Protein backbone atom coordinates (compact mmCIF):
# COMPACT_ATOMS: atom_id res chain seq x y z
CA MET A 1 85.82 224.84 164.91
CA ARG A 2 82.31 225.23 163.63
CA LYS A 3 79.66 226.21 166.26
CA ASN A 4 76.65 224.03 166.82
CA PRO A 5 73.60 225.73 165.16
CA LEU A 6 71.35 224.73 168.06
CA ILE A 7 73.66 226.38 170.59
CA GLN A 8 73.84 229.49 168.39
CA GLU A 9 70.01 229.75 168.29
CA ILE A 10 69.77 229.35 172.09
CA CYS A 11 72.36 232.11 172.60
CA ILE A 12 70.49 234.46 170.26
CA ARG A 13 67.17 233.84 172.05
CA ASN A 14 68.76 234.35 175.47
CA SER A 15 70.21 237.64 174.26
CA ARG A 16 66.80 238.78 173.00
CA PHE A 17 65.16 237.68 176.26
CA MET A 18 67.65 239.68 178.36
CA LYS A 19 67.10 242.71 176.13
CA TYR A 20 63.28 242.63 176.38
CA SER A 21 63.40 241.72 180.07
CA LYS A 22 65.08 245.06 180.72
CA TYR A 23 62.22 246.89 178.95
CA LEU A 24 59.64 244.83 180.84
CA LEU A 25 61.32 245.61 184.16
CA VAL A 26 61.30 249.34 183.40
CA LEU A 27 57.60 249.15 182.46
CA ILE A 28 56.75 247.34 185.72
CA LEU A 29 58.65 249.93 187.76
CA ILE A 30 56.82 252.81 186.04
CA THR A 31 53.46 251.13 186.73
CA LEU A 32 54.34 250.60 190.39
CA VAL A 33 55.44 254.22 190.85
CA HIS A 34 52.24 255.50 189.19
CA SER A 35 50.15 253.19 191.39
CA CYS A 36 51.89 254.41 194.53
CA LYS A 37 51.28 258.04 193.57
CA LYS A 38 47.61 257.27 192.92
CA GLU A 39 47.28 255.59 196.32
CA GLU A 40 49.08 258.49 197.96
CA SER A 41 46.68 260.97 196.30
CA THR A 42 43.67 258.97 197.49
CA ALA A 43 45.06 258.87 201.02
CA ILE A 44 45.47 262.65 201.06
CA SER A 45 41.84 263.14 200.00
CA LEU A 46 40.73 261.11 203.01
CA GLU A 47 42.60 263.27 205.50
CA ILE A 48 40.77 265.48 208.01
CA PRO A 49 41.63 269.06 207.03
CA ALA A 50 43.42 271.35 209.47
CA ILE A 51 41.60 274.70 209.41
CA GLU A 52 42.70 278.26 210.04
CA ILE A 53 40.40 281.30 210.02
CA GLU A 54 41.02 284.37 207.88
CA LYS A 55 38.91 287.48 208.42
CA VAL A 56 37.74 288.71 205.01
CA VAL A 57 35.18 291.36 206.07
CA ASP A 58 34.88 292.93 209.52
CA LYS A 59 32.91 295.52 211.54
CA TYR A 60 29.64 295.53 209.60
CA GLU A 61 26.06 294.97 210.70
CA ILE A 62 24.13 291.73 210.07
CA ILE A 63 25.38 290.22 206.80
CA TRP A 64 22.46 288.13 205.53
CA GLY A 65 23.33 287.43 201.89
CA MET A 66 26.61 287.09 200.00
CA ASP A 67 27.92 285.56 196.81
CA PHE A 68 30.91 285.63 194.47
CA LEU A 69 31.20 286.97 190.97
CA PRO A 70 33.14 284.79 188.51
CA ASN A 71 36.19 287.11 188.73
CA GLY A 72 36.48 286.52 192.49
CA ASP A 73 34.79 289.74 193.64
CA LEU A 74 32.55 289.29 196.69
CA ILE A 75 29.13 290.94 196.84
CA PHE A 76 27.42 291.09 200.24
CA GLY A 77 24.58 292.95 201.92
CA GLU A 78 23.66 294.21 205.35
CA LYS A 79 20.16 293.43 206.55
CA ARG A 80 19.63 297.15 207.27
CA GLY A 81 19.60 297.82 203.50
CA LYS A 82 23.14 298.36 202.24
CA MET A 83 25.07 296.40 199.62
CA TYR A 84 28.82 296.23 199.06
CA LEU A 85 31.33 294.92 196.53
CA LYS A 86 34.75 293.69 197.68
CA THR A 87 37.20 293.43 194.80
CA ASP A 88 39.42 290.38 194.59
CA GLN A 89 42.24 292.33 192.94
CA ASN A 90 42.94 294.94 195.62
CA ASN A 91 40.53 294.00 198.47
CA THR A 92 38.77 297.37 198.46
CA ILE A 93 35.15 297.45 199.67
CA THR A 94 32.75 299.87 197.99
CA GLU A 95 29.10 300.53 198.83
CA LEU A 96 26.82 300.16 195.82
CA SER A 97 24.29 302.88 195.15
CA GLY A 98 20.84 302.54 193.62
CA LEU A 99 19.12 300.06 195.92
CA PRO A 100 15.32 300.23 196.08
CA SER A 101 13.47 301.19 199.26
CA ILE A 102 14.01 298.47 201.91
CA ASP A 103 12.10 297.88 205.17
CA ALA A 104 14.52 296.33 207.68
CA GLY A 105 12.03 296.00 210.55
CA GLY A 106 11.73 292.67 212.39
CA GLN A 107 13.07 289.80 210.29
CA GLY A 108 12.85 291.85 207.13
CA GLY A 109 15.47 293.84 205.27
CA LEU A 110 17.97 293.12 202.54
CA LEU A 111 18.05 289.34 202.64
CA ASP A 112 19.67 286.97 200.15
CA ILE A 113 21.95 287.77 197.19
CA LYS A 114 22.70 285.33 194.38
CA THR A 115 24.76 285.61 191.18
CA HIS A 116 23.22 284.16 188.02
CA PRO A 117 25.10 280.99 186.95
CA ASN A 118 25.48 282.58 183.50
CA TYR A 119 26.67 285.90 184.93
CA VAL A 120 29.57 286.15 182.49
CA LYS A 121 27.09 286.30 179.60
CA ASN A 122 24.13 288.19 181.13
CA GLY A 123 25.47 290.12 184.16
CA TRP A 124 22.39 289.45 186.34
CA ILE A 125 22.49 289.40 190.15
CA TYR A 126 19.40 288.54 192.24
CA MET A 127 18.31 289.78 195.67
CA SER A 128 15.40 289.19 198.00
CA TYR A 129 14.23 291.93 200.35
CA THR A 130 11.22 293.37 202.13
CA SER A 131 9.71 296.71 201.27
CA SER A 132 6.88 298.91 202.53
CA THR A 133 6.56 300.90 199.33
CA PRO A 134 3.64 301.22 198.76
CA TYR A 135 2.67 298.28 201.06
CA TYR A 136 4.55 295.51 202.87
CA ALA A 137 5.87 292.83 200.55
CA LEU A 138 8.72 290.41 200.06
CA LYS A 139 10.28 290.90 196.65
CA LEU A 140 12.70 289.12 194.36
CA SER A 141 14.51 291.47 191.99
CA ARG A 142 17.43 291.28 189.61
CA PHE A 143 19.91 293.96 188.61
CA LYS A 144 23.28 294.67 187.02
CA ILE A 145 26.30 296.53 188.38
CA ASN A 146 27.85 299.38 186.44
CA ASN A 147 30.54 301.62 187.99
CA ASN A 148 29.48 300.61 191.52
CA LYS A 149 25.85 301.46 190.76
CA ILE A 150 22.83 299.16 190.68
CA GLU A 151 21.21 299.49 187.26
CA ASN A 152 18.56 297.74 185.17
CA LEU A 153 16.64 296.89 188.35
CA GLN A 154 13.75 294.53 187.59
CA ASN A 155 11.26 293.20 190.13
CA ILE A 156 10.34 289.67 189.04
CA PHE A 157 8.31 288.38 192.02
CA THR A 158 6.26 289.91 194.86
CA ALA A 159 4.55 288.31 197.85
CA THR A 160 2.27 290.83 199.55
CA GLY A 161 0.87 290.68 203.06
CA PRO A 162 2.10 291.04 206.63
CA GLY A 163 5.61 289.74 207.18
CA GLY A 164 7.23 288.09 210.16
CA HIS A 165 8.82 284.81 209.23
CA ASN A 166 10.07 285.88 205.82
CA GLY A 167 12.58 283.20 204.84
CA SER A 168 14.29 283.80 202.45
CA ARG A 169 16.99 282.18 200.33
CA ILE A 170 17.69 282.01 196.62
CA VAL A 171 19.28 279.09 194.76
CA PHE A 172 19.58 278.04 191.12
CA ASP A 173 19.22 274.43 190.05
CA LYS A 174 21.33 272.79 187.35
CA SER A 175 18.88 273.80 184.62
CA GLY A 176 19.00 277.48 185.63
CA LEU A 177 15.63 277.69 187.42
CA ILE A 178 15.37 279.86 190.56
CA TYR A 179 14.09 278.61 193.89
CA LEU A 180 13.00 281.20 196.46
CA SER A 181 12.04 280.23 200.01
CA ILE A 182 9.43 282.33 201.84
CA GLY A 183 8.31 281.91 205.45
CA GLU A 184 4.77 281.80 206.76
CA GLY A 185 4.55 285.51 207.62
CA PRO A 186 3.19 286.27 211.12
CA SER A 187 4.18 283.73 213.76
CA THR A 188 1.09 282.46 215.62
CA GLY A 189 2.16 278.92 216.49
CA GLY A 190 1.35 275.51 215.10
CA GLY A 191 -1.12 272.74 215.78
CA PRO A 192 -4.90 273.11 216.25
CA THR A 193 -4.58 276.46 218.06
CA GLY A 194 -2.43 278.11 215.40
CA ILE A 195 -4.16 281.02 213.69
CA ASN A 196 -1.88 281.59 210.69
CA LYS A 197 -2.56 278.93 208.06
CA ASN A 198 -0.61 280.61 205.23
CA ALA A 199 1.85 277.74 204.88
CA SER A 200 -0.89 275.20 204.13
CA ASP A 201 -3.05 277.59 202.09
CA PRO A 202 -2.41 277.08 198.34
CA SER A 203 -3.78 280.56 197.60
CA SER A 204 -1.13 282.28 199.77
CA PRO A 205 2.46 282.80 198.59
CA TRP A 206 3.72 282.64 202.19
CA GLY A 207 5.17 279.46 203.69
CA LYS A 208 6.18 278.12 200.27
CA ILE A 209 9.18 277.31 198.11
CA HIS A 210 8.68 279.09 194.78
CA ARG A 211 10.25 278.08 191.47
CA LEU A 212 10.68 280.55 188.62
CA ASN A 213 12.44 281.01 185.32
CA ASP A 214 15.29 283.48 185.59
CA ASP A 215 13.07 286.29 184.24
CA GLY A 216 10.32 285.60 186.78
CA SER A 217 8.01 283.71 184.44
CA ILE A 218 6.45 280.38 185.46
CA PRO A 219 8.14 277.12 184.33
CA ASN A 220 5.70 274.91 182.46
CA THR A 221 6.91 271.96 184.55
CA ASN A 222 5.83 273.46 187.87
CA PRO A 223 3.26 271.39 189.78
CA ILE A 224 -0.33 272.44 190.31
CA LEU A 225 -0.79 272.39 194.07
CA PRO A 226 -4.02 270.84 195.37
CA GLY A 227 -6.66 273.57 195.56
CA ASN A 228 -5.20 275.62 192.70
CA ALA A 229 -6.77 275.67 189.24
CA SER A 230 -3.50 276.20 187.39
CA ARG A 231 0.24 276.16 187.92
CA ASN A 232 1.97 279.17 189.39
CA SER A 233 5.29 279.85 191.13
CA MET A 234 4.48 277.67 194.16
CA TYR A 235 6.58 274.51 194.10
CA THR A 236 6.06 273.15 197.66
CA LEU A 237 4.04 274.16 200.74
CA GLY A 238 3.97 273.65 204.50
CA HIS A 239 7.07 275.66 205.46
CA ARG A 240 7.45 277.69 208.67
CA ASN A 241 10.60 279.78 208.21
CA PRO A 242 13.00 278.36 205.60
CA GLN A 243 16.23 280.35 205.71
CA GLY A 244 18.52 277.93 203.88
CA LEU A 245 18.57 276.45 200.37
CA ALA A 246 21.37 274.50 198.69
CA LEU A 247 21.89 272.53 195.49
CA HIS A 248 23.15 268.99 196.01
CA PRO A 249 26.16 268.83 193.65
CA SER A 250 25.64 265.16 192.70
CA THR A 251 21.89 264.57 192.63
CA GLY A 252 20.86 268.08 191.56
CA GLU A 253 18.15 268.12 194.23
CA ILE A 254 17.39 271.19 196.32
CA TRP A 255 17.89 270.85 200.09
CA GLU A 256 16.26 273.21 202.57
CA SER A 257 16.79 274.21 206.21
CA GLU A 258 13.85 275.42 208.26
CA HIS A 259 13.39 276.94 211.71
CA GLY A 260 11.09 275.06 214.06
CA PRO A 261 9.54 276.78 217.09
CA LEU A 262 10.92 275.38 220.40
CA GLY A 263 12.86 272.56 218.79
CA GLY A 264 12.10 270.84 215.52
CA ASP A 265 14.52 272.62 213.19
CA GLU A 266 14.52 270.65 209.95
CA ILE A 267 16.50 269.62 206.90
CA ASN A 268 14.23 268.73 203.97
CA ILE A 269 14.76 267.58 200.40
CA ILE A 270 12.49 269.66 198.20
CA LYS A 271 10.29 267.73 195.77
CA ALA A 272 7.63 269.11 193.46
CA GLY A 273 4.14 269.49 194.93
CA GLN A 274 5.03 268.12 198.37
CA ASP A 275 3.58 269.32 201.68
CA TYR A 276 6.13 269.55 204.53
CA GLY A 277 3.55 269.75 207.29
CA TRP A 278 3.58 273.19 208.90
CA PRO A 279 1.50 274.41 210.75
CA ALA A 280 -0.21 271.10 211.53
CA LEU A 281 2.93 269.05 212.17
CA SER A 282 6.26 269.73 213.88
CA LEU A 283 8.59 267.97 216.30
CA GLY A 284 8.96 271.27 218.15
CA LYS A 285 6.65 272.83 220.72
CA ASN A 286 4.87 276.17 220.62
CA TYR A 287 6.43 278.95 222.67
CA ASP A 288 3.76 278.44 225.33
CA GLY A 289 4.94 274.84 225.70
CA SER A 290 1.94 273.24 223.98
CA ILE A 291 2.48 270.17 221.79
CA ILE A 292 2.05 270.61 218.03
CA SER A 293 2.30 266.95 216.99
CA LYS A 294 4.15 263.82 218.02
CA ASN A 295 5.59 263.20 214.56
CA HIS A 296 5.07 263.83 210.83
CA ASP A 297 3.07 260.65 210.29
CA SER A 298 0.21 261.94 208.19
CA SER A 299 -1.00 261.10 204.73
CA GLY A 300 0.57 263.24 202.01
CA ILE A 301 3.23 264.77 204.28
CA SER A 302 6.96 264.71 203.51
CA LYS A 303 8.98 264.07 206.64
CA PRO A 304 12.22 265.94 207.36
CA ILE A 305 15.34 263.86 206.78
CA TYR A 306 16.91 265.39 209.90
CA SER A 307 15.75 267.39 212.91
CA TRP A 308 17.27 269.19 215.87
CA ILE A 309 15.81 269.20 219.39
CA PRO A 310 16.56 271.65 220.90
CA SER A 311 16.74 274.12 218.02
CA ILE A 312 20.09 275.24 216.66
CA GLY A 313 18.49 278.12 214.71
CA THR A 314 19.14 276.70 211.24
CA CYS A 315 19.96 279.37 208.69
CA GLY A 316 22.18 279.23 205.60
CA ILE A 317 23.35 275.84 204.28
CA ALA A 318 25.90 274.74 201.68
CA PHE A 319 27.28 271.50 200.30
CA ILE A 320 31.04 271.02 200.09
CA ASN A 321 31.87 270.26 196.48
CA GLY A 322 35.33 269.19 195.33
CA ASN A 323 38.42 268.10 197.27
CA TYR A 324 39.56 271.34 198.91
CA TYR A 325 38.45 270.01 202.30
CA ARG A 326 39.54 266.43 201.56
CA SER A 327 37.44 264.02 203.65
CA TRP A 328 34.72 266.66 204.12
CA SER A 329 33.74 266.52 200.44
CA GLY A 330 29.99 265.94 200.07
CA SER A 331 29.16 267.19 203.57
CA LEU A 332 26.23 269.51 204.25
CA ILE A 333 27.30 272.59 206.22
CA VAL A 334 24.61 274.22 208.38
CA ALA A 335 24.77 277.66 210.01
CA GLY A 336 23.36 277.82 213.54
CA LEU A 337 22.07 281.13 214.87
CA ALA A 338 20.97 279.87 218.29
CA SER A 339 23.79 277.35 218.65
CA GLN A 340 26.34 279.96 217.47
CA LYS A 341 28.10 277.11 215.70
CA LEU A 342 28.80 275.80 212.21
CA HIS A 343 27.62 272.20 211.87
CA ARG A 344 29.07 269.65 209.43
CA CYS A 345 26.54 266.97 208.56
CA ILE A 346 27.84 263.70 207.08
CA VAL A 347 25.56 262.75 204.19
CA GLU A 348 25.10 259.23 202.80
CA ASN A 349 22.39 258.26 200.30
CA ASN A 350 20.22 261.31 201.03
CA THR A 351 20.38 260.78 204.78
CA ILE A 352 22.37 262.56 207.47
CA LYS A 353 24.32 259.94 209.41
CA SER A 354 25.99 262.18 211.99
CA GLU A 355 27.25 265.70 212.59
CA GLU A 356 30.14 267.54 214.18
CA ILE A 357 30.94 271.15 215.08
CA ILE A 358 33.62 272.77 212.91
CA LEU A 359 33.32 276.39 214.12
CA LYS A 360 32.11 277.85 217.42
CA ASP A 361 32.41 280.65 219.99
CA LEU A 362 32.55 283.42 217.38
CA GLY A 363 28.93 284.67 217.46
CA ARG A 364 25.65 283.87 215.73
CA VAL A 365 26.37 282.07 212.46
CA ARG A 366 24.06 283.51 209.80
CA ASN A 367 25.17 282.11 206.47
CA VAL A 368 27.72 279.89 204.74
CA ILE A 369 28.69 279.59 201.07
CA GLN A 370 31.45 277.84 199.15
CA GLY A 371 33.66 280.24 197.21
CA ILE A 372 35.02 279.72 193.73
CA ASP A 373 38.35 278.79 195.36
CA GLY A 374 36.66 275.88 197.16
CA ALA A 375 36.85 277.43 200.62
CA LEU A 376 33.89 278.04 202.94
CA TYR A 377 32.96 281.65 203.67
CA VAL A 378 30.94 282.14 206.85
CA SER A 379 28.83 285.15 207.89
CA VAL A 380 29.00 285.70 211.66
CA GLU A 381 27.26 288.36 213.75
CA GLY A 382 28.41 290.65 216.56
CA PRO A 383 29.89 292.47 214.64
CA GLY A 384 29.06 291.41 211.09
CA ARG A 385 32.02 289.52 209.68
CA ILE A 386 32.79 287.18 206.81
CA LEU A 387 35.33 284.51 207.72
CA LYS A 388 37.21 282.26 205.34
CA MET A 389 37.92 278.72 206.55
CA LYS A 390 41.31 277.99 204.99
CA VAL A 391 43.01 274.60 204.84
CA LYS A 392 46.50 274.84 206.31
């Protein structure tokens, strides 16, 4: 019996439909699985990390500056004037020879250490320190390491005059320019009765954030501060004792932490040519209890984006970049000397919305950096230690 052509065509189409339906079903299943994995990955990144502490360096004196080399080696310095290299391969710690003369009196000494972002190509490492040879000065120098010796030492910046509040931190921006924070020098208080006006004096290098090319020369985009005839290294003014600098990983802006007197510790975003108010303005009081100012409401003054009353003793700061700490990504981490705590500040649109304590009861917290492995490394005093905050 001959089959109906219409029925034959319907059967053929049904067969093709069943065949392609199988492929379509497989494709839908693959898409759903991929989507679930993506959602699962996003959920993990929003988790609060569980932290455990690993002691990386122990039983040293005050560790002010530290940084990593691209191969994972850790370079760190003691304020008293000694520098060390801890190898990543076998964890040995070796003292480096060849440091210049360092004056560690008061708040001086061997201060910050920073690896050049192009270290693999040029081998430069930078350090800030105070020296009394032949007169008191805060210096920024660069050097290279060869067989555990400091060589090719070059001084690229000097601020002369009596010290006291010295700062100082070093940070590179995304274009490779160096920012160096320097404090006001002698501490005499703020407000109308304050004697030391270095921070507001455009002719003084003290109480400023300086910006330099990596060889110490002056960038041709630096501002000319009011009162100066030409541009120099001074990028901003009005700083009391800025001991923290950090590069915002998204915006590329430089953020700064600054000690107030009795209260009034600050976080500032550094912008070219701006005046941040010291010694005329501060939310803190002088040590004799006298009021400095009620606020920062004054023409031409940049207000802090965040302040602490009472003081926490703001020192080193670092942004968390990447997903190692999951939900903490983008947070600003602030070391507290007086609080003896590590503060995590939640940042949204260049404002600090809130903060929490993520480390405490271990001593004065001097500095914090993010390592090349994504983990935070924290310098704590009493004795000098470097702690790694590992995610479990």
